[in-house]
Amino acid sequence: MQKEPMLEVTYKKLSVELEQLKTHERGNIAAIIDEARAQGDLKENAEYHAAKDEQGLMEARIAELTDVVGRAQVVDPSTLAHERVSFGSTVELSDQDTDEVLTYTIVGGQESNPSKGFISFQSPLAKVLLGKEEGDEVSITLPSGKKTYDIEEVSYVEIILN
């Protein structure tokens, strides 16, 4: 079982969601199913079928959360050295061809949101960046072609997820 690093805030959020689903939502859906079952003919009972579908989706989410929470390795990036790119590092990259500056923060898969600058430690770009330091050059093959970046800065900035 491979551990999955994540921030404490994410771990707590997922744990609360899992507990809520197990303790409250399961009972609510079971009650809806029982009520629909009491109405008789199940073949044409839309409420029953909708509740069963919802139950299936909820059970899948419970299984997913149980797996993720079970594999979680809570990491406090503020305690890590950020001379080299590591979990929680914010990296400023400069595209060698266009001089465009990009900034990404390396986070866990559950926190990943590339449009907000949070990339998973498992992403191809993060894998190339991990262990590198300011001044290094990195190349990565993207769907749009090969890109080469200069690492301008590696730092730690407190991570605030929305």
N, C-alpha and C. Protein backbone atom coordinates (compact mmCIF):
# COMPACT_ATOMS: atom_id res chain seq x y z
N MET A 1 0.84 -1.18 0.00
CA MET A 1 0.00 0.00 0.00
C MET A 1 0.89 1.24 0.00
N GLN A 2 0.76 2.06 -1.03
CA GLN A 2 1.58 3.26 -1.17
C GLN A 2 0.95 4.40 -0.38
N LYS A 3 1.76 5.01 0.49
CA LYS A 3 1.29 6.15 1.27
C LYS A 3 1.06 7.34 0.35
N GLU A 4 0.09 8.16 0.70
CA GLU A 4 -0.20 9.36 -0.08
C GLU A 4 -0.03 10.58 0.81
N PRO A 5 0.99 11.40 0.51
CA PRO A 5 1.17 12.59 1.33
C PRO A 5 0.05 13.60 1.11
N MET A 6 -0.35 14.25 2.20
CA MET A 6 -1.36 15.29 2.10
C MET A 6 -1.23 16.23 3.30
N LEU A 7 -1.81 17.38 3.15
CA LEU A 7 -1.81 18.37 4.22
C LEU A 7 -2.79 17.94 5.31
N GLU A 8 -2.54 18.38 6.53
CA GLU A 8 -3.41 18.02 7.64
C GLU A 8 -4.84 18.50 7.41
N VAL A 9 -5.00 19.69 6.85
CA VAL A 9 -6.34 20.24 6.61
C VAL A 9 -7.12 19.34 5.65
N THR A 10 -6.46 18.78 4.66
CA THR A 10 -7.11 17.88 3.71
C THR A 10 -7.47 16.57 4.39
N TYR A 11 -6.56 16.05 5.20
CA TYR A 11 -6.82 14.81 5.92
C TYR A 11 -8.05 14.96 6.81
N LYS A 12 -8.11 16.06 7.54
CA LYS A 12 -9.26 16.29 8.43
C LYS A 12 -10.56 16.43 7.64
N LYS A 13 -10.51 17.15 6.54
CA LYS A 13 -11.70 17.36 5.70
C LYS A 13 -12.22 16.02 5.17
N LEU A 14 -11.32 15.17 4.66
CA LEU A 14 -11.72 13.87 4.13
C LEU A 14 -12.24 12.95 5.23
N SER A 15 -11.60 13.00 6.40
CA SER A 15 -12.04 12.17 7.53
C SER A 15 -13.44 12.57 7.99
N VAL A 16 -13.70 13.87 8.04
CA VAL A 16 -15.03 14.36 8.44
C VAL A 16 -16.08 13.92 7.41
N GLU A 17 -15.75 14.04 6.13
CA GLU A 17 -16.70 13.61 5.09
C GLU A 17 -16.98 12.12 5.21
N LEU A 18 -15.94 11.33 5.43
CA LEU A 18 -16.12 9.88 5.57
C LEU A 18 -17.02 9.55 6.75
N GLU A 19 -16.76 10.17 7.89
CA GLU A 19 -17.56 9.93 9.09
C GLU A 19 -19.02 10.34 8.87
N GLN A 20 -19.24 11.47 8.21
CA GLN A 20 -20.59 11.96 7.91
C GLN A 20 -21.34 10.95 7.02
N LEU A 21 -20.66 10.46 6.01
CA LEU A 21 -21.30 9.49 5.11
C LEU A 21 -21.66 8.21 5.85
N LYS A 22 -20.74 7.72 6.68
CA LYS A 22 -20.97 6.46 7.38
C LYS A 22 -22.05 6.57 8.45
N THR A 23 -22.03 7.67 9.21
CA THR A 23 -22.92 7.75 10.36
C THR A 23 -24.29 8.35 10.04
N HIS A 24 -24.36 9.29 9.12
CA HIS A 24 -25.64 9.96 8.86
C HIS A 24 -26.25 9.60 7.51
N GLU A 25 -25.48 9.73 6.46
CA GLU A 25 -26.03 9.55 5.12
C GLU A 25 -26.48 8.11 4.86
N ARG A 26 -25.71 7.15 5.37
CA ARG A 26 -26.13 5.74 5.18
C ARG A 26 -27.52 5.51 5.77
N GLY A 27 -27.73 6.02 6.97
CA GLY A 27 -29.03 5.85 7.63
C GLY A 27 -30.14 6.57 6.89
N ASN A 28 -29.85 7.76 6.39
CA ASN A 28 -30.86 8.53 5.65
C ASN A 28 -31.29 7.80 4.39
N ILE A 29 -30.33 7.30 3.64
CA ILE A 29 -30.66 6.59 2.40
C ILE A 29 -31.39 5.28 2.71
N ALA A 30 -30.98 4.59 3.76
CA ALA A 30 -31.65 3.34 4.14
C ALA A 30 -33.12 3.62 4.48
N ALA A 31 -33.38 4.73 5.16
CA ALA A 31 -34.76 5.09 5.51
C ALA A 31 -35.57 5.41 4.25
N ILE A 32 -34.97 6.10 3.30
CA ILE A 32 -35.66 6.43 2.04
C ILE A 32 -35.98 5.15 1.28
N ILE A 33 -35.03 4.21 1.26
CA ILE A 33 -35.25 2.94 0.56
C ILE A 33 -36.37 2.16 1.24
N ASP A 34 -36.36 2.12 2.57
CA ASP A 34 -37.41 1.40 3.30
C ASP A 34 -38.78 2.01 3.03
N GLU A 35 -38.83 3.33 3.02
CA GLU A 35 -40.10 4.03 2.75
C GLU A 35 -40.59 3.73 1.34
N ALA A 36 -39.68 3.76 0.37
CA ALA A 36 -40.06 3.48 -1.01
C ALA A 36 -40.47 2.02 -1.17
N ARG A 37 -39.80 1.13 -0.47
CA ARG A 37 -40.11 -0.31 -0.53
C ARG A 37 -41.52 -0.56 0.02
N ALA A 38 -41.92 0.22 1.03
CA ALA A 38 -43.24 0.05 1.64
C ALA A 38 -44.37 0.45 0.70
N GLN A 39 -44.05 1.19 -0.35
CA GLN A 39 -45.08 1.63 -1.30
C GLN A 39 -45.50 0.53 -2.26
N GLY A 40 -44.82 -0.59 -2.21
CA GLY A 40 -45.26 -1.71 -3.04
C GLY A 40 -44.36 -1.99 -4.22
N ASP A 41 -44.96 -2.22 -5.37
CA ASP A 41 -44.29 -2.65 -6.60
C ASP A 41 -42.98 -1.89 -6.85
N LEU A 42 -41.86 -2.60 -6.75
CA LEU A 42 -40.55 -1.96 -6.88
C LEU A 42 -40.13 -1.77 -8.33
N LYS A 43 -40.73 -2.52 -9.25
CA LYS A 43 -40.34 -2.44 -10.65
C LYS A 43 -40.56 -1.05 -11.23
N GLU A 44 -41.63 -0.40 -10.82
CA GLU A 44 -41.96 0.91 -11.36
C GLU A 44 -41.87 2.02 -10.32
N ASN A 45 -41.12 1.77 -9.28
CA ASN A 45 -41.00 2.75 -8.20
C ASN A 45 -39.75 3.60 -8.42
N ALA A 46 -39.94 4.79 -8.98
CA ALA A 46 -38.82 5.67 -9.32
C ALA A 46 -38.05 6.11 -8.07
N GLU A 47 -38.76 6.36 -6.98
CA GLU A 47 -38.09 6.79 -5.75
C GLU A 47 -37.15 5.70 -5.24
N TYR A 48 -37.60 4.47 -5.31
CA TYR A 48 -36.78 3.34 -4.86
C TYR A 48 -35.51 3.24 -5.71
N HIS A 49 -35.66 3.30 -7.02
CA HIS A 49 -34.52 3.15 -7.91
C HIS A 49 -33.54 4.33 -7.77
N ALA A 50 -34.07 5.53 -7.60
CA ALA A 50 -33.21 6.70 -7.40
C ALA A 50 -32.43 6.57 -6.09
N ALA A 51 -33.10 6.11 -5.05
CA ALA A 51 -32.44 5.94 -3.75
C ALA A 51 -31.37 4.85 -3.83
N LYS A 52 -31.65 3.77 -4.55
CA LYS A 52 -30.66 2.70 -4.71
C LYS A 52 -29.45 3.19 -5.49
N ASP A 53 -29.70 4.02 -6.52
CA ASP A 53 -28.59 4.60 -7.28
C ASP A 53 -27.75 5.50 -6.38
N GLU A 54 -28.42 6.33 -5.60
CA GLU A 54 -27.71 7.23 -4.68
C GLU A 54 -26.92 6.43 -3.65
N GLN A 55 -27.49 5.33 -3.18
CA GLN A 55 -26.81 4.47 -2.22
C GLN A 55 -25.53 3.89 -2.84
N GLY A 56 -25.62 3.47 -4.08
CA GLY A 56 -24.44 2.92 -4.77
C GLY A 56 -23.34 3.95 -4.92
N LEU A 57 -23.70 5.18 -5.29
CA LEU A 57 -22.71 6.25 -5.41
C LEU A 57 -22.08 6.58 -4.06
N MET A 58 -22.91 6.60 -3.01
CA MET A 58 -22.40 6.90 -1.68
C MET A 58 -21.44 5.81 -1.20
N GLU A 59 -21.80 4.56 -1.44
CA GLU A 59 -20.93 3.46 -1.02
C GLU A 59 -19.60 3.49 -1.77
N ALA A 60 -19.64 3.89 -3.04
CA ALA A 60 -18.39 4.02 -3.81
C ALA A 60 -17.53 5.13 -3.22
N ARG A 61 -18.15 6.24 -2.84
CA ARG A 61 -17.40 7.35 -2.23
C ARG A 61 -16.83 6.93 -0.88
N ILE A 62 -17.59 6.19 -0.10
CA ILE A 62 -17.09 5.69 1.20
C ILE A 62 -15.87 4.81 0.97
N ALA A 63 -15.94 3.92 -0.02
CA ALA A 63 -14.80 3.03 -0.30
C ALA A 63 -13.58 3.85 -0.73
N GLU A 64 -13.80 4.85 -1.58
CA GLU A 64 -12.70 5.71 -2.03
C GLU A 64 -12.07 6.47 -0.86
N LEU A 65 -12.91 7.08 -0.03
CA LEU A 65 -12.40 7.84 1.11
C LEU A 65 -11.69 6.94 2.13
N THR A 66 -12.24 5.75 2.35
CA THR A 66 -11.60 4.81 3.27
C THR A 66 -10.20 4.47 2.80
N ASP A 67 -10.05 4.26 1.50
CA ASP A 67 -8.74 3.97 0.92
C ASP A 67 -7.78 5.15 1.07
N VAL A 68 -8.23 6.34 0.69
CA VAL A 68 -7.37 7.53 0.72
C VAL A 68 -6.96 7.87 2.16
N VAL A 69 -7.92 7.87 3.07
CA VAL A 69 -7.62 8.20 4.47
C VAL A 69 -6.70 7.13 5.07
N GLY A 70 -6.92 5.88 4.70
CA GLY A 70 -6.08 4.79 5.20
C GLY A 70 -4.64 4.88 4.73
N ARG A 71 -4.43 5.43 3.54
CA ARG A 71 -3.08 5.55 2.99
C ARG A 71 -2.44 6.92 3.28
N ALA A 72 -3.19 7.80 3.92
CA ALA A 72 -2.71 9.17 4.11
C ALA A 72 -1.45 9.23 4.97
N GLN A 73 -0.55 10.09 4.54
CA GLN A 73 0.64 10.42 5.32
C GLN A 73 0.61 11.94 5.46
N VAL A 74 0.20 12.40 6.63
CA VAL A 74 0.07 13.84 6.86
C VAL A 74 1.46 14.46 6.90
N VAL A 75 1.65 15.48 6.08
CA VAL A 75 2.94 16.16 5.98
C VAL A 75 2.74 17.64 6.30
N ASP A 76 3.60 18.17 7.14
CA ASP A 76 3.60 19.60 7.43
C ASP A 76 4.77 20.20 6.66
N PRO A 77 4.49 20.81 5.49
CA PRO A 77 5.59 21.30 4.65
C PRO A 77 6.39 22.43 5.29
N SER A 78 5.84 23.09 6.31
CA SER A 78 6.59 24.17 6.95
C SER A 78 7.80 23.63 7.71
N THR A 79 7.82 22.33 8.00
CA THR A 79 8.94 21.74 8.73
C THR A 79 10.02 21.20 7.79
N LEU A 80 9.77 21.23 6.49
CA LEU A 80 10.73 20.70 5.52
C LEU A 80 11.66 21.80 5.02
N ALA A 81 12.87 21.40 4.66
CA ALA A 81 13.79 22.34 4.03
C ALA A 81 13.35 22.52 2.59
N HIS A 82 13.41 23.73 2.11
CA HIS A 82 12.96 23.99 0.74
C HIS A 82 14.08 24.57 -0.12
N GLU A 83 15.32 24.16 0.17
CA GLU A 83 16.43 24.54 -0.71
C GLU A 83 16.28 23.79 -2.03
N ARG A 84 15.77 22.58 -1.91
CA ARG A 84 15.45 21.76 -3.08
C ARG A 84 13.94 21.58 -3.13
N VAL A 85 13.41 21.35 -4.32
CA VAL A 85 11.97 21.19 -4.47
C VAL A 85 11.52 19.93 -3.74
N SER A 86 10.53 20.08 -2.86
CA SER A 86 9.96 18.96 -2.13
C SER A 86 8.47 19.20 -1.95
N PHE A 87 7.81 18.30 -1.25
CA PHE A 87 6.38 18.45 -1.00
C PHE A 87 6.14 19.79 -0.32
N GLY A 88 5.22 20.58 -0.85
CA GLY A 88 4.90 21.88 -0.27
C GLY A 88 5.71 23.03 -0.81
N SER A 89 6.72 22.75 -1.63
CA SER A 89 7.54 23.83 -2.19
C SER A 89 6.76 24.60 -3.25
N THR A 90 6.98 25.90 -3.27
CA THR A 90 6.46 26.74 -4.34
C THR A 90 7.64 27.01 -5.27
N VAL A 91 7.43 26.73 -6.55
CA VAL A 91 8.50 26.79 -7.54
C VAL A 91 8.13 27.81 -8.61
N GLU A 92 9.06 28.73 -8.86
CA GLU A 92 8.88 29.70 -9.94
C GLU A 92 9.74 29.26 -11.11
N LEU A 93 9.08 29.05 -12.25
CA LEU A 93 9.75 28.57 -13.45
C LEU A 93 9.70 29.63 -14.54
N SER A 94 10.76 29.68 -15.33
CA SER A 94 10.79 30.58 -16.48
C SER A 94 10.96 29.74 -17.74
N ASP A 95 10.02 29.87 -18.67
CA ASP A 95 10.07 29.15 -19.93
C ASP A 95 11.22 29.73 -20.76
N GLN A 96 12.17 28.89 -21.16
CA GLN A 96 13.34 29.38 -21.90
C GLN A 96 12.98 29.94 -23.27
N ASP A 97 11.90 29.46 -23.87
CA ASP A 97 11.53 29.93 -25.21
C ASP A 97 10.75 31.24 -25.18
N THR A 98 9.84 31.37 -24.20
CA THR A 98 8.93 32.53 -24.20
C THR A 98 9.17 33.50 -23.06
N ASP A 99 10.02 33.15 -22.12
CA ASP A 99 10.26 33.94 -20.90
C ASP A 99 9.03 34.04 -20.01
N GLU A 100 7.99 33.24 -20.30
CA GLU A 100 6.80 33.23 -19.46
C GLU A 100 7.19 32.64 -18.10
N VAL A 101 6.69 33.27 -17.03
CA VAL A 101 6.98 32.81 -15.68
C VAL A 101 5.75 32.07 -15.14
N LEU A 102 5.98 30.87 -14.65
CA LEU A 102 4.93 30.03 -14.09
C LEU A 102 5.27 29.74 -12.64
N THR A 103 4.26 29.68 -11.79
CA THR A 103 4.47 29.36 -10.38
C THR A 103 3.57 28.20 -9.99
N TYR A 104 4.18 27.16 -9.42
CA TYR A 104 3.43 26.00 -8.97
C TYR A 104 3.83 25.63 -7.55
N THR A 105 2.87 25.06 -6.83
CA THR A 105 3.14 24.51 -5.51
C THR A 105 2.89 23.02 -5.58
N ILE A 106 3.83 22.23 -5.05
CA ILE A 106 3.75 20.77 -5.09
C ILE A 106 2.91 20.30 -3.90
N VAL A 107 1.80 19.62 -4.19
CA VAL A 107 0.87 19.16 -3.14
C VAL A 107 0.50 17.70 -3.40
N GLY A 108 -0.37 17.16 -2.55
CA GLY A 108 -0.85 15.80 -2.72
C GLY A 108 -1.92 15.72 -3.79
N GLY A 109 -2.23 14.52 -4.22
CA GLY A 109 -3.21 14.32 -5.27
C GLY A 109 -4.59 14.86 -4.91
N GLN A 110 -4.97 14.78 -3.64
CA GLN A 110 -6.28 15.26 -3.22
C GLN A 110 -6.36 16.79 -3.22
N GLU A 111 -5.22 17.46 -3.18
CA GLU A 111 -5.20 18.93 -3.12
C GLU A 111 -4.92 19.55 -4.48
N SER A 112 -4.59 18.73 -5.44
CA SER A 112 -4.19 19.21 -6.76
C SER A 112 -5.28 20.05 -7.42
N ASN A 113 -4.87 21.19 -7.95
CA ASN A 113 -5.76 22.07 -8.70
C ASN A 113 -4.88 22.93 -9.60
N PRO A 114 -4.47 22.40 -10.76
CA PRO A 114 -3.52 23.10 -11.62
C PRO A 114 -3.94 24.52 -12.00
N SER A 115 -5.24 24.76 -12.14
CA SER A 115 -5.69 26.11 -12.52
C SER A 115 -5.39 27.13 -11.42
N LYS A 116 -5.19 26.65 -10.19
CA LYS A 116 -4.84 27.54 -9.08
C LYS A 116 -3.36 27.43 -8.72
N GLY A 117 -2.61 26.68 -9.52
CA GLY A 117 -1.17 26.57 -9.30
C GLY A 117 -0.75 25.45 -8.37
N PHE A 118 -1.67 24.56 -8.01
CA PHE A 118 -1.35 23.42 -7.15
C PHE A 118 -1.24 22.17 -8.01
N ILE A 119 -0.04 21.58 -8.09
CA ILE A 119 0.13 20.37 -8.88
C ILE A 119 0.50 19.20 -7.99
N SER A 120 -0.02 18.04 -8.34
CA SER A 120 0.22 16.83 -7.57
C SER A 120 1.69 16.42 -7.66
N PHE A 121 2.21 15.90 -6.57
CA PHE A 121 3.58 15.40 -6.54
C PHE A 121 3.75 14.25 -7.53
N GLN A 122 2.63 13.67 -7.98
CA GLN A 122 2.68 12.56 -8.93
C GLN A 122 2.60 13.02 -10.38
N SER A 123 2.38 14.31 -10.60
CA SER A 123 2.26 14.81 -11.98
C SER A 123 3.63 14.75 -12.67
N PRO A 124 3.63 14.64 -13.99
CA PRO A 124 4.90 14.58 -14.71
C PRO A 124 5.81 15.78 -14.42
N LEU A 125 5.26 16.97 -14.36
CA LEU A 125 6.08 18.16 -14.08
C LEU A 125 6.67 18.11 -12.68
N ALA A 126 5.86 17.75 -11.69
CA ALA A 126 6.35 17.68 -10.32
C ALA A 126 7.45 16.62 -10.19
N LYS A 127 7.28 15.50 -10.86
CA LYS A 127 8.30 14.44 -10.80
C LYS A 127 9.64 14.94 -11.33
N VAL A 128 9.60 15.78 -12.37
CA VAL A 128 10.83 16.34 -12.92
C VAL A 128 11.43 17.37 -11.95
N LEU A 129 10.57 18.12 -11.26
CA LEU A 129 11.04 19.19 -10.38
C LEU A 129 11.58 18.70 -9.03
N LEU A 130 10.99 17.63 -8.49
CA LEU A 130 11.38 17.18 -7.15
C LEU A 130 12.89 16.93 -7.06
N GLY A 131 13.50 17.52 -6.04
CA GLY A 131 14.94 17.37 -5.81
C GLY A 131 15.80 18.42 -6.48
N LYS A 132 15.20 19.20 -7.37
CA LYS A 132 15.97 20.25 -8.06
C LYS A 132 16.07 21.49 -7.18
N GLU A 133 16.95 22.43 -7.58
CA GLU A 133 17.12 23.66 -6.80
C GLU A 133 17.19 24.86 -7.72
N GLU A 134 17.19 26.04 -7.12
CA GLU A 134 17.25 27.28 -7.89
C GLU A 134 18.44 27.24 -8.83
N GLY A 135 18.21 27.71 -10.07
CA GLY A 135 19.27 27.75 -11.07
C GLY A 135 19.32 26.52 -11.95
N ASP A 136 18.66 25.43 -11.53
CA ASP A 136 18.65 24.22 -12.36
C ASP A 136 17.77 24.43 -13.58
N GLU A 137 18.06 23.65 -14.60
CA GLU A 137 17.27 23.64 -15.82
C GLU A 137 16.56 22.30 -15.89
N VAL A 138 15.27 22.32 -16.24
CA VAL A 138 14.52 21.07 -16.37
C VAL A 138 13.82 21.05 -17.72
N SER A 139 13.73 19.85 -18.30
CA SER A 139 13.02 19.67 -19.56
C SER A 139 11.94 18.63 -19.35
N ILE A 140 10.81 18.88 -19.99
CA ILE A 140 9.69 17.95 -19.88
C ILE A 140 8.98 17.90 -21.22
N THR A 141 8.54 16.72 -21.59
CA THR A 141 7.78 16.57 -22.82
C THR A 141 6.29 16.65 -22.48
N LEU A 142 5.65 17.66 -23.02
CA LEU A 142 4.23 17.90 -22.81
C LEU A 142 3.48 17.57 -24.09
N PRO A 143 2.15 17.47 -24.03
CA PRO A 143 1.40 17.21 -25.27
C PRO A 143 1.70 18.25 -26.36
N SER A 144 2.04 19.47 -25.94
CA SER A 144 2.33 20.52 -26.92
C SER A 144 3.78 20.48 -27.41
N GLY A 145 4.56 19.56 -26.88
CA GLY A 145 5.96 19.44 -27.28
C GLY A 145 6.90 19.54 -26.10
N LYS A 146 8.18 19.53 -26.38
CA LYS A 146 9.18 19.58 -25.32
C LYS A 146 9.35 21.02 -24.84
N LYS A 147 9.34 21.18 -23.51
CA LYS A 147 9.52 22.50 -22.90
C LYS A 147 10.74 22.45 -21.97
N THR A 148 11.48 23.53 -21.95
CA THR A 148 12.62 23.65 -21.05
C THR A 148 12.40 24.87 -20.17
N TYR A 149 12.56 24.66 -18.87
CA TYR A 149 12.35 25.72 -17.90
C TYR A 149 13.60 25.92 -17.05
N ASP A 150 13.80 27.17 -16.62
CA ASP A 150 14.81 27.48 -15.61
C ASP A 150 14.08 27.63 -14.29
N ILE A 151 14.63 27.03 -13.24
CA ILE A 151 14.04 27.19 -11.91
C ILE A 151 14.58 28.50 -11.33
N GLU A 152 13.71 29.48 -11.23
CA GLU A 152 14.09 30.81 -10.75
C GLU A 152 14.12 30.88 -9.23
N GLU A 153 13.14 30.21 -8.60
CA GLU A 153 13.06 30.29 -7.14
C GLU A 153 12.36 29.06 -6.58
N VAL A 154 12.84 28.58 -5.44
CA VAL A 154 12.21 27.51 -4.69
C VAL A 154 12.00 28.06 -3.29
N SER A 155 10.76 28.03 -2.82
CA SER A 155 10.47 28.60 -1.50
C SER A 155 9.30 27.85 -0.86
N TYR A 156 9.04 28.22 0.38
CA TYR A 156 7.84 27.72 1.04
C TYR A 156 6.93 28.91 1.32
N VAL A 157 5.71 28.79 0.84
CA VAL A 157 4.67 29.77 1.12
C VAL A 157 3.52 28.99 1.74
N GLU A 158 2.96 29.49 2.83
CA GLU A 158 1.88 28.76 3.48
C GLU A 158 0.79 28.44 2.47
N ILE A 159 0.38 27.20 2.46
CA ILE A 159 -0.60 26.72 1.49
C ILE A 159 -2.01 26.94 2.05
N ILE A 160 -2.79 27.70 1.28
CA ILE A 160 -4.19 27.95 1.66
C ILE A 160 -5.07 27.40 0.55
N LEU A 161 -5.81 26.36 0.87
CA LEU A 161 -6.69 25.74 -0.12
C LEU A 161 -8.09 26.32 0.03
N ASN A 162 -8.79 26.41 -1.09
CA ASN A 162 -10.19 26.90 -1.04
C ASN A 162 -11.14 25.76 -1.21
